[in-house]
Amino acid sequence: MTDLIQIIQNRILILDGAMGTMIQRHQLSEENYRGERFKDFHQSLKGNNDLLSITQPEIIKEIHLDYLKAGADIIETNTFNANRISMIDYDMVDLVDELNVASAKLALEAAEEFTKQTPDKPRFVAGSLGPTNRTASISPDVNDPAFRNIDYDELVETYKQQTTSLLKTGVHAILVETIFDTLNAKAAFFGIMEAMDETGIQVPLMASGTITDKSGRTLSGQTTEAFLISLSHIPLLSIGLNCALGATDMIPYVEILSENAPFYVSIYPNAGLPNAFGGYDESPEIMLENLKPMIENGWVNIIGGCCGTTPEHIKAIADFTKDFEPRKLPELV
């Protein structure tokens, strides 16, 4: 998408906030998740947020519109778990294509509404690909370190299927996010590029990893530098970090990316660390204060929010960042 590639050179782009947090505000019941179509489904569906794009589309579109009103330039499709591996939990593998198409259409409709209002500020949709609930690098059985419940080829096919569905709807970018295992991500991008080759549709690619704690490493043990190097062969538009940590704890790792990444840098942290009840306490004002060092130092090109963030958080970020220059790509030796 030429516009996205051109615009990111000139200003900081605002990504949306947490879809899950906004869904939780609606306090949906099992019946809400099921809707009329799945009212007699044989197992519980509560928690299958991706399914809401089919059973409660008006809620999902409303969330997209709220983030766009707050100032988001890029919104993500409601497809974080809309892949055949994650959908095994709900026995809905056969719905993967439909889920991705339905979710993408809702986001694209919302983005188009705002682009028509302000053609000089186009809005974009990034197809969201989550990490799945399996890892190619770590055994799920502590008594058998060599055991794996997924392999590379299966991950490639999983991501290829999801990407193909998203590309055909017209999404403007593909975002592989919350990467905790870079081997999963390598499989994801291999599948994505196969999908782009087969469909003939090329879009910018974005990667976002997650540092799981203050050790500064991903779940599979990589430092930020190693994470960057592991994905440096992929023609990415952006690389960054999201989830797990709040903005304050991300500062040293974002600085590393800013200094070393040959790509644009993104960041969308949680609204602080989770409290004892699993909630997030940082207000928009506090979160913005914690983000300011990275904005003021010119380390970022894309900024948004992850768990616990709302349109109020995104508005505070958007209002502040409009006066700052984006990070320039460094001249690396």
C-alpha atoms as a PDB file:
ATOM      1  CA  MET A   1       0.000   0.000   0.000  1.00  0.00           C
ATOM      2  CA  THR A   2       1.945   2.989  -1.288  1.00  0.00           C
ATOM      3  CA  ASP A   3       0.084   5.529   0.846  1.00  0.00           C
ATOM      4  CA  LEU A   4       0.989   3.740   4.067  1.00  0.00           C
ATOM      5  CA  ILE A   5       4.657   3.495   3.077  1.00  0.00           C
ATOM      6  CA  GLN A   6       4.751   7.193   2.163  1.00  0.00           C
ATOM      7  CA  ILE A   7       2.861   8.451   5.206  1.00  0.00           C
ATOM      8  CA  ILE A   8       4.973   6.554   7.738  1.00  0.00           C
ATOM      9  CA  GLN A   9       8.004   8.509   6.556  1.00  0.00           C
ATOM     10  CA  ASN A  10       6.402  11.823   7.467  1.00  0.00           C
ATOM     11  CA  ARG A  11       4.585  11.358  10.763  1.00  0.00           C
ATOM     12  CA  ILE A  12       4.042   9.020  13.671  1.00  0.00           C
ATOM     13  CA  LEU A  13       1.137   6.716  12.908  1.00  0.00           C
ATOM     14  CA  ILE A  14      -1.382   5.824  15.596  1.00  0.00           C
ATOM     15  CA  LEU A  15      -2.411   2.205  16.015  1.00  0.00           C
ATOM     16  CA  ASP A  16      -5.629   1.271  17.799  1.00  0.00           C
ATOM     17  CA  GLY A  17      -5.924  -0.102  21.336  1.00  0.00           C
ATOM     18  CA  ALA A  18      -7.122  -3.368  22.840  1.00  0.00           C
ATOM     19  CA  MET A  19     -10.016  -5.147  21.163  1.00  0.00           C
ATOM     20  CA  GLY A  20     -10.403  -7.588  24.065  1.00  0.00           C
ATOM     21  CA  THR A  21     -10.595  -4.819  26.658  1.00  0.00           C
ATOM     22  CA  MET A  22     -13.401  -3.139  24.769  1.00  0.00           C
ATOM     23  CA  ILE A  23     -15.279  -6.413  24.289  1.00  0.00           C
ATOM     24  CA  GLN A  24     -15.091  -7.009  28.051  1.00  0.00           C
ATOM     25  CA  ARG A  25     -16.855  -3.693  28.634  1.00  0.00           C
ATOM     26  CA  HIS A  26     -19.963  -5.190  27.024  1.00  0.00           C
ATOM     27  CA  GLN A  27     -20.081  -8.037  29.599  1.00  0.00           C
ATOM     28  CA  LEU A  28     -21.299 -10.481  26.998  1.00  0.00           C
ATOM     29  CA  SER A  29     -22.969 -13.725  28.007  1.00  0.00           C
ATOM     30  CA  GLU A  30     -22.652 -17.193  26.516  1.00  0.00           C
ATOM     31  CA  GLU A  31     -25.863 -16.476  24.615  1.00  0.00           C
ATOM     32  CA  ASN A  32     -24.381 -13.264  23.196  1.00  0.00           C
ATOM     33  CA  TYR A  33     -21.378 -15.154  21.888  1.00  0.00           C
ATOM     34  CA  ARG A  34     -23.559 -17.844  20.344  1.00  0.00           C
ATOM     35  CA  GLY A  35     -26.042 -15.564  18.663  1.00  0.00           C
ATOM     36  CA  GLU A  36     -28.913 -17.154  16.808  1.00  0.00           C
ATOM     37  CA  ARG A  37     -26.712 -19.105  14.426  1.00  0.00           C
ATOM     38  CA  PHE A  38     -24.822 -21.044  17.100  1.00  0.00           C
ATOM     39  CA  LYS A  39     -27.486 -21.195  19.820  1.00  0.00           C
ATOM     40  CA  ASP A  40     -27.405 -25.010  19.837  1.00  0.00           C
ATOM     41  CA  PHE A  41     -23.639 -25.420  19.396  1.00  0.00           C
ATOM     42  CA  HIS A  42     -22.293 -28.410  21.324  1.00  0.00           C
ATOM     43  CA  GLN A  43     -19.752 -26.594  23.508  1.00  0.00           C
ATOM     44  CA  SER A  44     -19.178 -23.280  25.239  1.00  0.00           C
ATOM     45  CA  LEU A  45     -18.250 -20.362  22.989  1.00  0.00           C
ATOM     46  CA  LYS A  46     -17.848 -17.604  25.558  1.00  0.00           C
ATOM     47  CA  GLY A  47     -14.402 -16.094  25.162  1.00  0.00           C
ATOM     48  CA  ASN A  48     -14.173 -16.735  21.434  1.00  0.00           C
ATOM     49  CA  ASN A  49     -13.834 -13.049  20.636  1.00  0.00           C
ATOM     50  CA  ASP A  50     -13.116 -13.647  16.953  1.00  0.00           C
ATOM     51  CA  LEU A  51     -16.539 -15.280  16.591  1.00  0.00           C
ATOM     52  CA  LEU A  52     -18.192 -11.984  17.540  1.00  0.00           C
ATOM     53  CA  SER A  53     -17.421 -10.689  14.056  1.00  0.00           C
ATOM     54  CA  ILE A  54     -20.143 -13.106  12.927  1.00  0.00           C
ATOM     55  CA  THR A  55     -22.531 -13.178  15.883  1.00  0.00           C
ATOM     56  CA  GLN A  56     -22.202  -9.559  17.130  1.00  0.00           C
ATOM     57  CA  PRO A  57     -20.808  -7.602  14.157  1.00  0.00           C
ATOM     58  CA  GLU A  58     -22.299  -4.317  15.314  1.00  0.00           C
ATOM     59  CA  ILE A  59     -20.243  -4.459  18.526  1.00  0.00           C
ATOM     60  CA  ILE A  60     -16.996  -5.143  16.697  1.00  0.00           C
ATOM     61  CA  LYS A  61     -17.592  -2.377  14.174  1.00  0.00           C
ATOM     62  CA  GLU A  62     -18.494   0.038  16.959  1.00  0.00           C
ATOM     63  CA  ILE A  63     -15.160  -0.686  18.638  1.00  0.00           C
ATOM     64  CA  HIS A  64     -13.312   0.000  15.389  1.00  0.00           C
ATOM     65  CA  LEU A  65     -15.211   3.271  14.957  1.00  0.00           C
ATOM     66  CA  ASP A  66     -14.438   4.325  18.538  1.00  0.00           C
ATOM     67  CA  TYR A  67     -10.704   3.864  17.950  1.00  0.00           C
ATOM     68  CA  LEU A  68     -10.879   5.747  14.664  1.00  0.00           C
ATOM     69  CA  LYS A  69     -12.704   8.601  16.388  1.00  0.00           C
ATOM     70  CA  ALA A  70      -9.913   8.631  18.970  1.00  0.00           C
ATOM     71  CA  GLY A  71      -7.352   9.242  16.232  1.00  0.00           C
ATOM     72  CA  ALA A  72      -6.175   5.823  15.085  1.00  0.00           C
ATOM     73  CA  ASP A  73      -4.592   5.709  11.640  1.00  0.00           C
ATOM     74  CA  ILE A  74      -4.394   1.901  11.643  1.00  0.00           C
ATOM     75  CA  ILE A  75      -6.951  -0.495  13.079  1.00  0.00           C
ATOM     76  CA  GLU A  76      -6.454  -4.234  13.447  1.00  0.00           C
ATOM     77  CA  THR A  77      -8.862  -6.901  12.314  1.00  0.00           C
ATOM     78  CA  ASN A  78     -10.552  -8.935  15.045  1.00  0.00           C
ATOM     79  CA  THR A  79      -8.621 -12.039  13.979  1.00  0.00           C
ATOM     80  CA  PHE A  80      -5.970 -12.561  16.665  1.00  0.00           C
ATOM     81  CA  ASN A  81      -7.073 -16.188  17.142  1.00  0.00           C
ATOM     82  CA  ALA A  82      -8.838 -16.754  13.824  1.00  0.00           C
ATOM     83  CA  ASN A  83      -6.541 -19.563  12.775  1.00  0.00           C
ATOM     84  CA  ARG A  84      -7.072 -23.301  12.561  1.00  0.00           C
ATOM     85  CA  ILE A  85      -4.793 -24.084  15.536  1.00  0.00           C
ATOM     86  CA  SER A  86      -6.493 -21.718  17.990  1.00  0.00           C
ATOM     87  CA  MET A  87      -9.974 -22.600  16.716  1.00  0.00           C
ATOM     88  CA  ILE A  88      -9.437 -26.259  17.650  1.00  0.00           C
ATOM     89  CA  ASP A  89     -10.340 -25.208  21.201  1.00  0.00           C
ATOM     90  CA  TYR A  90     -13.826 -24.254  20.036  1.00  0.00           C
ATOM     91  CA  ASP A  91     -14.203 -26.985  17.400  1.00  0.00           C
ATOM     92  CA  MET A  92     -14.569 -24.251  14.798  1.00  0.00           C
ATOM     93  CA  VAL A  93     -11.688 -24.995  12.447  1.00  0.00           C
ATOM     94  CA  ASP A  94     -14.097 -25.028   9.507  1.00  0.00           C
ATOM     95  CA  LEU A  95     -14.992 -21.380  10.205  1.00  0.00           C
ATOM     96  CA  VAL A  96     -11.473 -19.942   9.848  1.00  0.00           C
ATOM     97  CA  ASP A  97     -11.955 -18.461   6.379  1.00  0.00           C
ATOM     98  CA  GLU A  98     -15.360 -17.017   7.248  1.00  0.00           C
ATOM     99  CA  LEU A  99     -14.077 -15.494  10.484  1.00  0.00           C
ATOM    100  CA  ASN A 100     -11.229 -13.716   8.741  1.00  0.00           C
ATOM    101  CA  VAL A 101     -13.383 -12.418   5.901  1.00  0.00           C
ATOM    102  CA  ALA A 102     -16.116 -11.186   8.246  1.00  0.00           C
ATOM    103  CA  SER A 103     -13.639  -9.473  10.566  1.00  0.00           C
ATOM    104  CA  ALA A 104     -11.714  -7.815   7.758  1.00  0.00           C
ATOM    105  CA  LYS A 105     -14.873  -6.492   6.132  1.00  0.00           C
ATOM    106  CA  LEU A 106     -15.993  -4.843   9.383  1.00  0.00           C
ATOM    107  CA  ALA A 107     -12.639  -3.125   9.853  1.00  0.00           C
ATOM    108  CA  LEU A 108     -12.446  -2.049   6.224  1.00  0.00           C
ATOM    109  CA  GLU A 109     -15.965  -0.603   6.332  1.00  0.00           C
ATOM    110  CA  ALA A 110     -15.089   1.412   9.441  1.00  0.00           C
ATOM    111  CA  ALA A 111     -11.798   2.647   7.981  1.00  0.00           C
ATOM    112  CA  GLU A 112     -13.458   3.608   4.718  1.00  0.00           C
ATOM    113  CA  GLU A 113     -16.075   5.673   6.546  1.00  0.00           C
ATOM    114  CA  PHE A 114     -13.353   7.797   8.129  1.00  0.00           C
ATOM    115  CA  THR A 115     -11.212   8.002   5.001  1.00  0.00           C
ATOM    116  CA  LYS A 116     -14.196   9.408   3.107  1.00  0.00           C
ATOM    117  CA  GLN A 117     -14.646  12.071   5.805  1.00  0.00           C
ATOM    118  CA  THR A 118     -10.993  13.144   5.625  1.00  0.00           C
ATOM    119  CA  PRO A 119      -9.419  11.962   2.346  1.00  0.00           C
ATOM    120  CA  ASP A 120      -6.188  13.754   3.246  1.00  0.00           C
ATOM    121  CA  LYS A 121      -5.852  11.398   6.240  1.00  0.00           C
ATOM    122  CA  PRO A 122      -6.522   7.864   4.988  1.00  0.00           C
ATOM    123  CA  ARG A 123      -7.135   5.095   7.526  1.00  0.00           C
ATOM    124  CA  PHE A 124      -5.643   1.642   7.159  1.00  0.00           C
ATOM    125  CA  VAL A 125      -6.501  -1.894   8.216  1.00  0.00           C
ATOM    126  CA  ALA A 126      -3.862  -4.354   9.374  1.00  0.00           C
ATOM    127  CA  GLY A 127      -4.762  -8.029   9.298  1.00  0.00           C
ATOM    128  CA  SER A 128      -3.940  -9.337  12.767  1.00  0.00           C
ATOM    129  CA  LEU A 129      -2.207 -12.706  13.117  1.00  0.00           C
ATOM    130  CA  GLY A 130      -1.656 -13.886  16.679  1.00  0.00           C
ATOM    131  CA  PRO A 131       0.988 -16.388  17.814  1.00  0.00           C
ATOM    132  CA  THR A 132      -1.428 -19.348  18.137  1.00  0.00           C
ATOM    133  CA  ASN A 133      -1.551 -21.209  21.450  1.00  0.00           C
ATOM    134  CA  ARG A 134       1.285 -23.575  20.532  1.00  0.00           C
ATOM    135  CA  THR A 135       5.023 -23.060  20.262  1.00  0.00           C
ATOM    136  CA  ALA A 136       7.505 -24.688  17.918  1.00  0.00           C
ATOM    137  CA  SER A 137      10.483 -24.030  20.198  1.00  0.00           C
ATOM    138  CA  ILE A 138       9.336 -25.164  23.627  1.00  0.00           C
ATOM    139  CA  SER A 139       7.970 -28.470  24.848  1.00  0.00           C
ATOM    140  CA  PRO A 140       4.574 -28.294  26.589  1.00  0.00           C
ATOM    141  CA  ASP A 141       5.689 -31.300  28.667  1.00  0.00           C
ATOM    142  CA  VAL A 142       8.342 -30.525  31.290  1.00  0.00           C
ATOM    143  CA  ASN A 143       9.132 -34.226  31.506  1.00  0.00           C
ATOM    144  CA  ASP A 144       9.895 -34.472  27.784  1.00  0.00           C
ATOM    145  CA  PRO A 145      11.908 -31.469  26.574  1.00  0.00           C
ATOM    146  CA  ALA A 146      12.078 -32.832  23.022  1.00  0.00           C
ATOM    147  CA  PHE A 147       8.295 -33.118  22.608  1.00  0.00           C
ATOM    148  CA  ARG A 148       6.448 -30.641  20.369  1.00  0.00           C
ATOM    149  CA  ASN A 149       2.699 -30.367  19.783  1.00  0.00           C
ATOM    150  CA  ILE A 150       3.164 -28.381  16.564  1.00  0.00           C
ATOM    151  CA  ASP A 151       5.704 -28.357  13.761  1.00  0.00           C
ATOM    152  CA  TYR A 152       6.976 -25.730  11.355  1.00  0.00           C
ATOM    153  CA  ASP A 153       5.086 -26.980   8.316  1.00  0.00           C
ATOM    154  CA  GLU A 154       1.756 -26.991  10.144  1.00  0.00           C
ATOM    155  CA  LEU A 155       2.358 -23.430  11.296  1.00  0.00           C
ATOM    156  CA  VAL A 156       3.222 -22.347   7.756  1.00  0.00           C
ATOM    157  CA  GLU A 157      -0.029 -23.787   6.398  1.00  0.00           C
ATOM    158  CA  THR A 158      -2.020 -22.271   9.264  1.00  0.00           C
ATOM    159  CA  TYR A 159      -0.719 -18.780   8.634  1.00  0.00           C
ATOM    160  CA  LYS A 160      -0.927 -19.157   4.872  1.00  0.00           C
ATOM    161  CA  GLN A 161      -4.634 -20.002   5.100  1.00  0.00           C
ATOM    162  CA  GLN A 162      -5.414 -17.079   7.380  1.00  0.00           C
ATOM    163  CA  THR A 163      -3.390 -14.615   5.327  1.00  0.00           C
ATOM    164  CA  THR A 164      -5.018 -15.712   2.073  1.00  0.00           C
ATOM    165  CA  SER A 165      -8.452 -14.986   3.515  1.00  0.00           C
ATOM    166  CA  LEU A 166      -7.369 -11.564   4.767  1.00  0.00           C
ATOM    167  CA  LEU A 167      -5.592 -10.552   1.568  1.00  0.00           C
ATOM    168  CA  LYS A 168      -8.629 -11.309  -0.571  1.00  0.00           C
ATOM    169  CA  THR A 169     -10.727  -8.843   1.433  1.00  0.00           C
ATOM    170  CA  GLY A 170      -8.339  -5.965   0.728  1.00  0.00           C
ATOM    171  CA  VAL A 171      -6.539  -5.363   4.031  1.00  0.00           C
ATOM    172  CA  HIS A 172      -3.713  -2.849   3.715  1.00  0.00           C
ATOM    173  CA  ALA A 173      -1.050  -4.692   5.762  1.00  0.00           C
ATOM    174  CA  ILE A 174      -0.420  -7.917   7.633  1.00  0.00           C
ATOM    175  CA  LEU A 175       0.658  -7.721  11.276  1.00  0.00           C
ATOM    176  CA  VAL A 176       2.169 -10.733  13.047  1.00  0.00           C
ATOM    177  CA  GLU A 177       1.880  -9.741  16.683  1.00  0.00           C
ATOM    178  CA  THR A 178       2.609 -10.799  20.253  1.00  0.00           C
ATOM    179  CA  ILE A 179       5.473 -12.969  18.995  1.00  0.00           C
ATOM    180  CA  PHE A 180       6.770 -15.020  21.907  1.00  0.00           C
ATOM    181  CA  ASP A 181       8.476 -17.685  19.795  1.00  0.00           C
ATOM    182  CA  THR A 182      10.421 -16.414  16.804  1.00  0.00           C
ATOM    183  CA  LEU A 183      10.305 -19.824  15.143  1.00  0.00           C
ATOM    184  CA  ASN A 184       6.518 -19.465  15.031  1.00  0.00           C
ATOM    185  CA  ALA A 185       7.021 -16.028  13.494  1.00  0.00           C
ATOM    186  CA  LYS A 186       9.428 -17.343  10.873  1.00  0.00           C
ATOM    187  CA  ALA A 187       6.807 -19.908   9.889  1.00  0.00           C
ATOM    188  CA  ALA A 188       4.189 -17.153   9.850  1.00  0.00           C
ATOM    189  CA  PHE A 189       6.121 -14.961   7.451  1.00  0.00           C
ATOM    190  CA  PHE A 190       6.987 -17.914   5.223  1.00  0.00           C
ATOM    191  CA  GLY A 191       3.278 -18.725   5.001  1.00  0.00           C
ATOM    192  CA  ILE A 192       2.402 -15.052   4.463  1.00  0.00           C
ATOM    193  CA  MET A 193       4.824 -14.681   1.586  1.00  0.00           C
ATOM    194  CA  GLU A 194       3.523 -17.886   0.000  1.00  0.00           C
ATOM    195  CA  ALA A 195      -0.006 -16.467   0.286  1.00  0.00           C
ATOM    196  CA  MET A 196       1.063 -13.193  -1.323  1.00  0.00           C
ATOM    197  CA  ASP A 197       2.816 -15.025  -4.144  1.00  0.00           C
ATOM    198  CA  GLU A 198      -0.184 -17.260  -4.844  1.00  0.00           C
ATOM    199  CA  THR A 199      -2.797 -14.492  -4.652  1.00  0.00           C
ATOM    200  CA  GLY A 200      -0.646 -11.920  -6.417  1.00  0.00           C
ATOM    201  CA  ILE A 201      -1.523  -9.432  -3.653  1.00  0.00           C
ATOM    202  CA  GLN A 202       1.423  -7.696  -2.014  1.00  0.00           C
ATOM    203  CA  VAL A 203       1.018  -5.667   1.198  1.00  0.00           C
ATOM    204  CA  PRO A 204       3.427  -4.268   3.800  1.00  0.00           C
ATOM    205  CA  LEU A 205       4.423  -6.670   6.580  1.00  0.00           C
ATOM    206  CA  MET A 206       4.669  -5.793  10.261  1.00  0.00           C
ATOM    207  CA  ALA A 207       6.130  -7.763  13.161  1.00  0.00           C
ATOM    208  CA  SER A 208       5.638  -7.188  16.871  1.00  0.00           C
ATOM    209  CA  GLY A 209       7.280  -9.286  19.560  1.00  0.00           C
ATOM    210  CA  THR A 210       6.620  -9.526  23.248  1.00  0.00           C
ATOM    211  CA  ILE A 211       9.207  -9.362  26.011  1.00  0.00           C
ATOM    212  CA  THR A 212       7.642 -11.546  28.664  1.00  0.00           C
ATOM    213  CA  ASP A 213       9.272 -10.097  31.794  1.00  0.00           C
ATOM    214  CA  LYS A 214      12.077  -7.890  33.077  1.00  0.00           C
ATOM    215  CA  SER A 215      14.679 -10.398  31.931  1.00  0.00           C
ATOM    216  CA  GLY A 216      14.331  -8.676  28.578  1.00  0.00           C
ATOM    217  CA  ARG A 217      13.718 -11.902  26.686  1.00  0.00           C
ATOM    218  CA  THR A 218      10.927 -13.498  24.723  1.00  0.00           C
ATOM    219  CA  LEU A 219       9.331 -16.667  26.085  1.00  0.00           C
ATOM    220  CA  SER A 220      11.605 -18.726  23.839  1.00  0.00           C
ATOM    221  CA  GLY A 221      14.651 -17.016  25.350  1.00  0.00           C
ATOM    222  CA  GLN A 222      15.695 -14.410  22.800  1.00  0.00           C
ATOM    223  CA  THR A 223      16.977 -10.961  23.668  1.00  0.00           C
ATOM    224  CA  THR A 224      15.617  -7.989  21.749  1.00  0.00           C
ATOM    225  CA  GLU A 225      18.744  -7.931  19.576  1.00  0.00           C
ATOM    226  CA  ALA A 226      18.381 -11.637  18.769  1.00  0.00           C
ATOM    227  CA  PHE A 227      14.697 -11.179  17.966  1.00  0.00           C
ATOM    228  CA  LEU A 228      15.547  -8.387  15.543  1.00  0.00           C
ATOM    229  CA  ILE A 229      18.357 -10.315  13.865  1.00  0.00           C
ATOM    230  CA  SER A 230      16.192 -13.432  13.539  1.00  0.00           C
ATOM    231  CA  LEU A 231      13.630 -11.540  11.456  1.00  0.00           C
ATOM    232  CA  SER A 232      15.971  -9.162   9.625  1.00  0.00           C
ATOM    233  CA  HIS A 233      15.855 -11.233   6.416  1.00  0.00           C
ATOM    234  CA  ILE A 234      12.139 -10.500   5.998  1.00  0.00           C
ATOM    235  CA  PRO A 235      11.202  -7.347   4.030  1.00  0.00           C
ATOM    236  CA  LEU A 236       9.316  -5.773   6.918  1.00  0.00           C
ATOM    237  CA  LEU A 237       7.713  -2.363   7.015  1.00  0.00           C
ATOM    238  CA  SER A 238       7.995  -2.286  10.801  1.00  0.00           C
ATOM    239  CA  ILE A 239       9.198  -4.231  13.794  1.00  0.00           C
ATOM    240  CA  GLY A 240       8.321  -3.558  17.396  1.00  0.00           C
ATOM    241  CA  LEU A 241       7.047  -4.719  20.747  1.00  0.00           C
ATOM    242  CA  ASN A 242       3.619  -5.139  22.289  1.00  0.00           C
ATOM    243  CA  CYS A 243       1.882  -6.704  25.286  1.00  0.00           C
ATOM    244  CA  ALA A 244       3.354  -8.273  28.464  1.00  0.00           C
ATOM    245  CA  LEU A 245       4.941  -5.061  29.751  1.00  0.00           C
ATOM    246  CA  GLY A 246       3.856  -1.511  30.336  1.00  0.00           C
ATOM    247  CA  ALA A 247       5.541   1.410  28.574  1.00  0.00           C
ATOM    248  CA  THR A 248       8.090   2.102  31.319  1.00  0.00           C
ATOM    249  CA  ASP A 249       9.522  -1.407  31.252  1.00  0.00           C
ATOM    250  CA  MET A 250       9.702  -1.373  27.444  1.00  0.00           C
ATOM    251  CA  ILE A 251      11.942   1.710  27.217  1.00  0.00           C
ATOM    252  CA  PRO A 252      15.363  -0.029  27.054  1.00  0.00           C
ATOM    253  CA  TYR A 253      14.158  -2.544  24.478  1.00  0.00           C
ATOM    254  CA  VAL A 254      12.549   0.057  22.243  1.00  0.00           C
ATOM    255  CA  GLU A 255      15.792   2.017  22.361  1.00  0.00           C
ATOM    256  CA  ILE A 256      17.633  -1.075  21.111  1.00  0.00           C
ATOM    257  CA  LEU A 257      15.224  -1.434  18.204  1.00  0.00           C
ATOM    258  CA  SER A 258      15.420   2.261  17.404  1.00  0.00           C
ATOM    259  CA  GLU A 259      19.212   2.157  17.209  1.00  0.00           C
ATOM    260  CA  ASN A 260      19.505  -1.084  15.259  1.00  0.00           C
ATOM    261  CA  ALA A 261      16.395  -1.830  13.205  1.00  0.00           C
ATOM    262  CA  PRO A 262      16.575  -1.250   9.449  1.00  0.00           C
ATOM    263  CA  PHE A 263      12.761  -1.071   9.575  1.00  0.00           C
ATOM    264  CA  TYR A 264      10.303   1.374  11.118  1.00  0.00           C
ATOM    265  CA  VAL A 265       9.651   0.804  14.831  1.00  0.00           C
ATOM    266  CA  SER A 266       6.289   0.191  16.485  1.00  0.00           C
ATOM    267  CA  ILE A 267       5.258   0.009  20.109  1.00  0.00           C
ATOM    268  CA  TYR A 268       1.925  -0.748  21.720  1.00  0.00           C
ATOM    269  CA  PRO A 269       2.329  -1.609  25.403  1.00  0.00           C
ATOM    270  CA  ASN A 270      -0.228  -2.630  27.975  1.00  0.00           C
ATOM    271  CA  ALA A 271      -1.739  -0.045  30.280  1.00  0.00           C
ATOM    272  CA  GLY A 272       0.836  -1.000  32.905  1.00  0.00           C
ATOM    273  CA  LEU A 273       1.273  -4.401  34.505  1.00  0.00           C
ATOM    274  CA  PRO A 274      -1.816  -6.415  35.483  1.00  0.00           C
ATOM    275  CA  ASN A 275      -3.110  -5.965  39.020  1.00  0.00           C
ATOM    276  CA  ALA A 276      -4.133  -8.752  41.388  1.00  0.00           C
ATOM    277  CA  PHE A 277      -7.446  -9.113  39.560  1.00  0.00           C
ATOM    278  CA  GLY A 278      -5.940  -9.242  36.074  1.00  0.00           C
ATOM    279  CA  GLY A 279      -6.981  -5.688  35.265  1.00  0.00           C
ATOM    280  CA  TYR A 280      -4.874  -2.739  34.148  1.00  0.00           C
ATOM    281  CA  ASP A 281      -4.700   0.441  36.177  1.00  0.00           C
ATOM    282  CA  GLU A 282      -2.816   3.003  34.105  1.00  0.00           C
ATOM    283  CA  SER A 283      -5.039   5.896  33.123  1.00  0.00           C
ATOM    284  CA  PRO A 284      -4.588   7.527  29.713  1.00  0.00           C
ATOM    285  CA  GLU A 285      -2.641  10.330  31.395  1.00  0.00           C
ATOM    286  CA  ILE A 286      -0.259   7.997  33.239  1.00  0.00           C
ATOM    287  CA  MET A 287       0.312   5.780  30.235  1.00  0.00           C
ATOM    288  CA  LEU A 288       1.078   8.793  28.048  1.00  0.00           C
ATOM    289  CA  GLU A 289       3.546  10.093  30.629  1.00  0.00           C
ATOM    290  CA  ASN A 290       5.325   6.739  30.529  1.00  0.00           C
ATOM    291  CA  LEU A 291       5.409   6.762  26.727  1.00  0.00           C
ATOM    292  CA  LYS A 292       6.790  10.289  26.426  1.00  0.00           C
ATOM    293  CA  PRO A 293      10.515   9.384  26.586  1.00  0.00           C
ATOM    294  CA  MET A 294      10.182   7.165  23.513  1.00  0.00           C
ATOM    295  CA  ILE A 295       8.141   9.750  21.618  1.00  0.00           C
ATOM    296  CA  GLU A 296      10.281  12.730  22.569  1.00  0.00           C
ATOM    297  CA  ASN A 297      13.524  10.896  21.763  1.00  0.00           C
ATOM    298  CA  GLY A 298      12.262  10.069  18.279  1.00  0.00           C
ATOM    299  CA  TRP A 299      12.407   6.292  18.689  1.00  0.00           C
ATOM    300  CA  VAL A 300       9.046   5.305  17.218  1.00  0.00           C
ATOM    301  CA  ASN A 301       7.051   5.389  13.984  1.00  0.00           C
ATOM    302  CA  ILE A 302       3.881   3.568  15.053  1.00  0.00           C
ATOM    303  CA  ILE A 303       2.387   3.779  18.521  1.00  0.00           C
ATOM    304  CA  GLY A 304      -0.780   2.355  20.059  1.00  0.00           C
ATOM    305  CA  GLY A 305      -1.978   0.270  22.963  1.00  0.00           C
ATOM    306  CA  CYS A 306      -2.403  -3.359  23.974  1.00  0.00           C
ATOM    307  CA  CYS A 307      -4.132  -4.950  26.992  1.00  0.00           C
ATOM    308  CA  GLY A 308      -6.098  -2.539  29.136  1.00  0.00           C
ATOM    309  CA  THR A 309      -6.036   0.315  26.650  1.00  0.00           C
ATOM    310  CA  THR A 310      -9.177   2.047  25.404  1.00  0.00           C
ATOM    311  CA  PRO A 311     -10.118   4.816  22.955  1.00  0.00           C
ATOM    312  CA  GLU A 312      -9.379   7.267  25.769  1.00  0.00           C
ATOM    313  CA  HIS A 313      -5.773   6.009  25.899  1.00  0.00           C
ATOM    314  CA  ILE A 314      -5.433   6.230  22.118  1.00  0.00           C
ATOM    315  CA  LYS A 315      -6.831   9.760  22.024  1.00  0.00           C
ATOM    316  CA  ALA A 316      -4.317  10.942  24.617  1.00  0.00           C
ATOM    317  CA  ILE A 317      -1.482   9.372  22.609  1.00  0.00           C
ATOM    318  CA  ALA A 318      -2.740  10.754  19.285  1.00  0.00           C
ATOM    319  CA  ASP A 319      -3.185  14.277  20.624  1.00  0.00           C
ATOM    320  CA  PHE A 320       0.335  14.330  22.042  1.00  0.00           C
ATOM    321  CA  THR A 321       2.285  12.693  19.227  1.00  0.00           C
ATOM    322  CA  LYS A 322       1.012  14.964  16.451  1.00  0.00           C
ATOM    323  CA  ASP A 323       3.637  17.537  17.429  1.00  0.00           C
ATOM    324  CA  PHE A 324       6.596  15.149  17.219  1.00  0.00           C
ATOM    325  CA  GLU A 325       8.707  13.885  14.357  1.00  0.00           C
ATOM    326  CA  PRO A 326       8.806  10.160  13.592  1.00  0.00           C
ATOM    327  CA  ARG A 327      11.968   8.104  13.871  1.00  0.00           C
ATOM    328  CA  LYS A 328      14.142   8.217  10.786  1.00  0.00           C
ATOM    329  CA  LEU A 329      15.622   4.995   9.470  1.00  0.00           C
ATOM    330  CA  PRO A 330      19.240   4.820  10.663  1.00  0.00           C
ATOM    331  CA  GLU A 331      22.213   4.513   8.343  1.00  0.00           C
ATOM    332  CA  LEU A 332      23.482   1.129   9.459  1.00  0.00           C
ATOM    333  CA  VAL A 333      26.974  -0.070   8.604  1.00  0.00           C
END
